[in-house]
Amino acid sequence: MATDIKPRTAGGYRSDVTEACERALLTLMGAFGGLKTTLRLVGGLVPRYLTPEAPPDVPAHAGTSDVDVVLNLQLIAEGEGYATLADQLVVRGFARYVNPEGKPAAWRWQRQVDEHTHILIEFLRDAGDGQPGRVVSVDGERVSALSVRFAGIVHDWFETREISGELLDRGGLSVETLRFADVPAFVILKALALDDRQENKDAADLIHVLRYAGTLEQVAALFVVRILSGQHPAAMQAGLDALRRRFCDDAHGEGYRKLGAVAYASFHDAGDEDARVRDQRYAAGLVQALLERIATAHTPR
């Protein structure tokens, strides 16, 4: 059964499970029919596409064991055929997730891939002016979406990539156009997630993307473009503030001692204290340098 508890270190993730996540995603897209173009992928599977493995310069990302998808509830409500979304999911082998206390969650579904592997699917939506953490119905009471602060930025800030793979249950080779969070959207949402739930994996994911999505100047330029667009200023500000709070020097202490830098080093579990401190200093230095470049590039001359 899938679990709510994420592994705390990189050793808890496997490449074959990440591959299974991609196959589950391809299988899931079929359940949405013509409205699959409204889906936006976020979370731990995104670095697979933002920073494709290219040894020795770009190592493989640690991977993931779940698939996080942001839904556009307005477009879904205007579409046709969504009264049967739950049926379409069930036909494709998905089942509502049941937590260890025996309570089902309509915003979480799981898919058994083999005897030992279950992939967790999480449906999310933008919280808007509402309360984050609230569950909103998508298809009666059978399918819901969890409200997440600023998740809706990915409807505007995304990249596309054609992916292919074998559908689950010998469904054949499928080719789909995937829409996933771009670098600024991914980093903002990961920074906010880290700020809220303080998971090692969130820190590791965002540092991996910042490190391998391009040069620091290129990554900073992506943020500046989004800032200058005038879209989602509150989300941008909240994300940058979260990065500062969790990685950067301030009156409370040095950045390398902050929660984000420690979480990054803990995830990679270098083994000895000197190596851990080096990792902490690297993560803090990278984020601080990024924020400085964004501020410099964005400041009117």
Protein backbone atom coordinates (compact mmCIF):
# COMPACT_ATOMS: atom_id res chain seq x y z
CA MET A 1 0.00 0.00 0.00
CA ALA A 2 1.13 3.56 -0.63
CA THR A 3 2.16 5.49 2.46
CA ASP A 4 1.86 9.05 3.75
CA ILE A 5 5.46 8.98 5.00
CA LYS A 6 8.11 10.12 2.52
CA PRO A 7 11.62 8.65 2.79
CA ARG A 8 13.91 11.09 4.58
CA THR A 9 17.00 10.33 2.49
CA ALA A 10 17.86 9.73 -1.17
CA GLY A 11 18.45 6.05 -0.43
CA GLY A 12 14.72 5.58 0.05
CA TYR A 13 13.95 6.27 -3.63
CA ARG A 14 14.28 3.89 -6.60
CA SER A 15 14.52 4.59 -10.30
CA ASP A 16 12.09 1.79 -11.18
CA VAL A 17 9.42 3.38 -8.97
CA THR A 18 9.95 6.72 -10.70
CA GLU A 19 9.52 4.96 -14.05
CA ALA A 20 6.31 3.43 -12.71
CA CYS A 21 5.12 6.93 -11.76
CA GLU A 22 5.54 8.05 -15.37
CA ARG A 23 3.59 5.02 -16.62
CA ALA A 24 0.87 5.72 -14.05
CA LEU A 25 0.75 9.34 -15.22
CA LEU A 26 0.34 8.30 -18.85
CA THR A 27 -2.42 5.88 -17.81
CA LEU A 28 -4.08 8.59 -15.72
CA MET A 29 -4.16 11.06 -18.61
CA GLY A 30 -6.40 8.69 -20.53
CA ALA A 31 -9.07 9.04 -17.85
CA PHE A 32 -9.34 12.78 -18.55
CA GLY A 33 -9.99 12.39 -22.26
CA GLY A 34 -10.00 15.66 -24.18
CA LEU A 35 -9.45 17.70 -21.02
CA LYS A 36 -6.09 16.14 -20.23
CA THR A 37 -4.59 19.36 -21.65
CA THR A 38 -5.88 21.13 -18.52
CA LEU A 39 -3.76 18.97 -16.20
CA ARG A 40 -0.53 20.37 -14.76
CA LEU A 41 2.11 18.15 -13.19
CA VAL A 42 3.83 19.42 -10.04
CA GLY A 43 5.83 17.72 -7.30
CA GLY A 44 8.69 15.26 -7.29
CA LEU A 45 8.24 13.89 -10.80
CA VAL A 46 8.80 17.32 -12.40
CA PRO A 47 12.64 17.39 -12.12
CA ARG A 48 12.68 14.38 -14.45
CA TYR A 49 11.55 16.80 -17.18
CA LEU A 50 13.05 20.12 -16.03
CA THR A 51 16.52 18.62 -15.57
CA PRO A 52 16.75 15.50 -17.74
CA GLU A 53 19.59 13.19 -16.76
CA ALA A 54 22.71 13.90 -18.85
CA PRO A 55 25.83 12.37 -17.21
CA PRO A 56 28.24 13.55 -16.07
CA ASP A 57 26.97 17.13 -16.00
CA VAL A 58 23.40 16.44 -14.87
CA PRO A 59 22.95 13.43 -12.59
CA ALA A 60 19.67 11.59 -12.28
CA HIS A 61 17.20 13.16 -9.89
CA ALA A 62 16.43 11.08 -6.79
CA GLY A 63 12.96 10.37 -8.14
CA THR A 64 9.57 10.05 -6.50
CA SER A 65 6.89 7.57 -5.51
CA ASP A 66 3.84 9.74 -6.17
CA VAL A 67 2.25 11.86 -8.88
CA ASP A 68 0.89 15.32 -8.03
CA VAL A 69 -1.52 16.87 -10.53
CA VAL A 70 -3.13 20.32 -10.36
CA LEU A 71 -6.65 20.43 -11.77
CA ASN A 72 -8.43 23.44 -13.24
CA LEU A 73 -11.86 23.00 -11.70
CA GLN A 74 -13.46 25.74 -13.78
CA LEU A 75 -12.48 24.10 -17.06
CA ILE A 76 -13.45 20.70 -15.73
CA ALA A 77 -16.90 22.03 -14.77
CA GLU A 78 -17.33 23.48 -18.27
CA GLY A 79 -16.24 20.26 -19.95
CA GLU A 80 -18.22 17.17 -20.75
CA GLY A 81 -17.93 13.65 -19.48
CA TYR A 82 -16.61 14.40 -16.02
CA ALA A 83 -19.59 12.88 -14.28
CA THR A 84 -17.83 9.60 -15.06
CA LEU A 85 -14.31 10.59 -13.99
CA ALA A 86 -14.33 8.23 -11.04
CA ASP A 87 -15.55 5.43 -13.31
CA GLN A 88 -12.78 6.18 -15.80
CA LEU A 89 -10.19 6.02 -13.03
CA VAL A 90 -11.54 2.72 -11.74
CA VAL A 91 -11.61 1.22 -15.24
CA ARG A 92 -7.90 2.06 -15.53
CA GLY A 93 -7.10 0.33 -12.26
CA PHE A 94 -7.00 3.30 -9.89
CA ALA A 95 -8.61 3.08 -6.47
CA ARG A 96 -9.29 5.65 -3.78
CA TYR A 97 -6.49 5.77 -1.25
CA VAL A 98 -7.36 4.51 2.21
CA ASN A 99 -5.19 5.81 5.05
CA PRO A 100 -3.84 3.60 7.87
CA GLU A 101 -6.90 4.48 9.97
CA GLY A 102 -9.16 3.05 7.26
CA LYS A 103 -10.51 6.39 6.03
CA PRO A 104 -10.70 6.89 2.22
CA ALA A 105 -9.57 10.17 0.67
CA ALA A 106 -11.27 11.23 -2.56
CA TRP A 107 -8.37 13.57 -3.50
CA ARG A 108 -5.84 10.75 -3.28
CA TRP A 109 -5.91 7.68 -5.48
CA GLN A 110 -3.46 4.85 -5.82
CA ARG A 111 -2.44 2.46 -8.55
CA GLN A 112 -0.89 -0.93 -8.00
CA VAL A 113 1.90 -1.53 -10.50
CA ASP A 114 3.17 -4.86 -9.26
CA GLU A 115 3.17 -6.91 -6.09
CA HIS A 116 5.46 -4.49 -4.27
CA THR A 117 4.81 -1.12 -5.93
CA HIS A 118 1.86 1.22 -5.40
CA ILE A 119 1.86 4.70 -6.91
CA LEU A 120 0.02 7.47 -5.11
CA ILE A 121 -1.88 10.05 -7.19
CA GLU A 122 -2.80 13.37 -5.57
CA PHE A 123 -5.29 15.77 -7.13
CA LEU A 124 -4.68 19.41 -6.17
CA ARG A 125 -6.29 22.76 -6.96
CA ASP A 126 -5.56 26.41 -6.28
CA ALA A 127 -6.80 27.56 -2.88
CA GLY A 128 -7.59 31.05 -4.17
CA ASP A 129 -9.12 33.09 -1.36
CA GLY A 130 -10.16 29.93 0.44
CA GLN A 131 -8.46 27.92 3.14
CA PRO A 132 -5.47 25.78 2.06
CA GLY A 133 -6.04 22.17 2.99
CA ARG A 134 -9.74 22.25 2.15
CA VAL A 135 -10.97 19.42 -0.06
CA VAL A 136 -13.22 20.44 -2.98
CA SER A 137 -15.42 18.08 -4.99
CA VAL A 138 -14.59 17.39 -8.63
CA ASP A 139 -16.94 14.50 -9.36
CA GLY A 140 -19.66 14.27 -6.75
CA GLU A 141 -18.15 12.79 -3.60
CA ARG A 142 -16.03 10.27 -5.46
CA VAL A 143 -13.22 12.52 -6.75
CA SER A 144 -11.97 15.63 -4.99
CA ALA A 145 -8.98 17.99 -5.05
CA LEU A 146 -6.97 19.38 -2.16
CA SER A 147 -6.68 23.18 -2.03
CA VAL A 148 -3.04 24.30 -2.14
CA ARG A 149 -1.85 27.89 -1.81
CA PHE A 150 -0.84 29.36 -5.18
CA ALA A 151 -1.05 26.01 -7.02
CA GLY A 152 -2.85 27.82 -9.86
CA ILE A 153 0.35 29.51 -11.05
CA VAL A 154 1.10 26.38 -13.05
CA HIS A 155 -1.87 27.02 -15.32
CA ASP A 156 0.12 29.99 -16.65
CA TRP A 157 3.72 29.07 -15.82
CA PHE A 158 4.42 25.70 -17.37
CA GLU A 159 6.52 23.88 -19.94
CA THR A 160 5.49 21.12 -22.32
CA ARG A 161 7.25 17.96 -23.34
CA GLU A 162 6.27 14.90 -25.32
CA ILE A 163 6.67 11.75 -23.26
CA SER A 164 6.08 8.13 -24.11
CA GLY A 165 5.88 4.86 -22.25
CA GLU A 166 4.02 1.61 -21.83
CA LEU A 167 0.61 2.02 -20.24
CA LEU A 168 -0.04 -0.11 -17.21
CA ASP A 169 -1.73 -3.51 -17.62
CA ARG A 170 -0.19 -4.01 -21.07
CA GLY A 171 -2.17 -1.15 -22.52
CA GLY A 172 0.40 -0.49 -25.22
CA LEU A 173 2.80 2.34 -25.95
CA SER A 174 1.32 5.78 -25.35
CA VAL A 175 2.64 9.18 -26.45
CA GLU A 176 1.30 12.29 -24.73
CA THR A 177 2.11 15.99 -24.44
CA LEU A 178 2.79 16.64 -20.78
CA ARG A 179 2.35 20.07 -19.19
CA PHE A 180 4.39 20.59 -16.05
CA ALA A 181 5.51 23.41 -13.74
CA ASP A 182 8.32 25.53 -15.18
CA VAL A 183 11.39 26.38 -13.11
CA PRO A 184 9.99 29.44 -11.27
CA ALA A 185 6.64 27.75 -10.58
CA PHE A 186 8.31 24.56 -9.39
CA VAL A 187 10.74 26.35 -7.09
CA ILE A 188 8.04 28.63 -5.66
CA LEU A 189 5.70 25.74 -4.85
CA LYS A 190 8.53 23.63 -3.43
CA ALA A 191 9.75 26.53 -1.28
CA LEU A 192 6.23 27.02 0.09
CA ALA A 193 5.87 23.28 0.71
CA LEU A 194 9.22 23.23 2.52
CA ASP A 195 8.17 26.23 4.57
CA ASP A 196 4.95 24.48 5.61
CA ARG A 197 5.83 20.82 6.10
CA GLN A 198 9.63 20.90 6.48
CA GLU A 199 10.36 17.73 4.49
CA ASN A 200 13.93 16.90 3.46
CA LYS A 201 12.71 15.89 -0.01
CA ASP A 202 11.24 19.34 -0.74
CA ALA A 203 14.59 21.02 -0.04
CA ALA A 204 16.46 18.46 -2.13
CA ASP A 205 14.07 18.81 -5.07
CA LEU A 206 14.30 22.58 -5.28
CA ILE A 207 18.10 22.66 -4.89
CA HIS A 208 18.44 19.99 -7.60
CA VAL A 209 16.40 22.10 -10.03
CA LEU A 210 18.22 25.33 -9.17
CA ARG A 211 21.55 23.57 -9.65
CA TYR A 212 20.88 21.77 -12.92
CA ALA A 213 18.19 23.75 -14.78
CA GLY A 214 20.86 26.06 -16.22
CA THR A 215 23.49 28.50 -15.05
CA LEU A 216 22.59 30.64 -12.09
CA GLU A 217 22.23 33.62 -14.43
CA GLN A 218 19.87 31.66 -16.69
CA VAL A 219 17.73 30.50 -13.79
CA ALA A 220 17.58 34.01 -12.32
CA ALA A 221 16.54 35.34 -15.75
CA LEU A 222 13.58 32.92 -15.77
CA PHE A 223 12.39 34.40 -12.49
CA VAL A 224 12.84 37.95 -13.74
CA VAL A 225 10.76 37.20 -16.84
CA ARG A 226 7.96 35.92 -14.62
CA ILE A 227 8.20 38.93 -12.32
CA LEU A 228 8.05 41.35 -15.25
CA SER A 229 4.99 39.55 -16.62
CA GLY A 230 2.97 40.99 -13.75
CA GLN A 231 1.24 37.64 -13.21
CA HIS A 232 0.90 36.11 -9.75
CA PRO A 233 2.91 38.70 -7.81
CA ALA A 234 1.68 37.41 -4.44
CA ALA A 235 2.84 33.87 -5.25
CA MET A 236 6.24 35.11 -6.42
CA GLN A 237 6.73 37.20 -3.31
CA ALA A 238 5.64 34.39 -1.01
CA GLY A 239 7.98 31.92 -2.71
CA LEU A 240 11.01 34.22 -2.59
CA ASP A 241 10.28 35.06 1.04
CA ALA A 242 10.14 31.35 1.87
CA LEU A 243 13.52 30.82 0.19
CA ARG A 244 15.04 33.66 2.22
CA ARG A 245 13.52 32.40 5.45
CA ARG A 246 14.71 28.82 5.02
CA PHE A 247 18.15 29.28 3.38
CA CYS A 248 19.56 32.78 3.82
CA ASP A 249 21.56 34.77 6.35
CA ASP A 250 19.49 37.14 8.48
CA ALA A 251 19.21 38.44 12.02
CA HIS A 252 18.19 34.98 13.20
CA GLY A 253 21.29 33.16 12.00
CA GLU A 254 23.51 32.06 9.14
CA GLY A 255 21.84 30.53 6.12
CA TYR A 256 23.75 27.26 6.23
CA ARG A 257 22.22 26.56 9.64
CA LYS A 258 18.67 27.23 8.43
CA LEU A 259 16.09 24.48 8.06
CA GLY A 260 16.24 24.32 4.26
CA ALA A 261 20.00 23.90 4.05
CA VAL A 262 20.00 21.28 6.81
CA ALA A 263 17.12 19.40 5.15
CA TYR A 264 19.01 19.33 1.84
CA ALA A 265 22.15 17.95 3.50
CA SER A 266 20.16 15.44 5.53
CA PHE A 267 18.44 14.11 2.41
CA HIS A 268 21.79 13.39 0.75
CA ASP A 269 23.20 11.98 4.00
CA ALA A 270 26.90 12.53 3.19
CA GLY A 271 27.95 10.49 6.20
CA ASP A 272 30.37 12.72 8.09
CA GLU A 273 29.87 16.08 9.71
CA ASP A 274 32.31 17.99 7.50
CA ALA A 275 30.56 16.76 4.34
CA ARG A 276 27.15 17.62 5.77
CA VAL A 277 28.26 21.16 6.57
CA ARG A 278 29.69 21.53 3.05
CA ASP A 279 26.32 20.48 1.62
CA GLN A 280 24.52 22.91 3.91
CA ARG A 281 26.81 25.76 2.87
CA TYR A 282 26.37 24.86 -0.80
CA ALA A 283 22.55 24.93 -0.61
CA ALA A 284 22.47 28.20 1.33
CA GLY A 285 25.02 29.81 -0.96
CA LEU A 286 23.17 28.75 -4.09
CA VAL A 287 19.84 30.19 -2.93
CA GLN A 288 21.41 33.38 -1.64
CA ALA A 289 23.28 33.92 -4.91
CA LEU A 290 20.08 33.32 -6.89
CA LEU A 291 18.12 35.86 -4.87
CA GLU A 292 20.89 38.42 -5.24
CA ARG A 293 20.91 37.99 -9.03
CA ILE A 294 17.13 38.26 -9.23
CA ALA A 295 17.18 41.45 -7.16
CA THR A 296 20.00 42.95 -9.23
CA ALA A 297 18.39 42.11 -12.56
CA HIS A 298 14.97 43.32 -11.46
CA THR A 299 16.06 46.59 -9.83
CA PRO A 300 15.43 49.60 -12.12
CA ARG A 301 18.62 51.37 -13.14
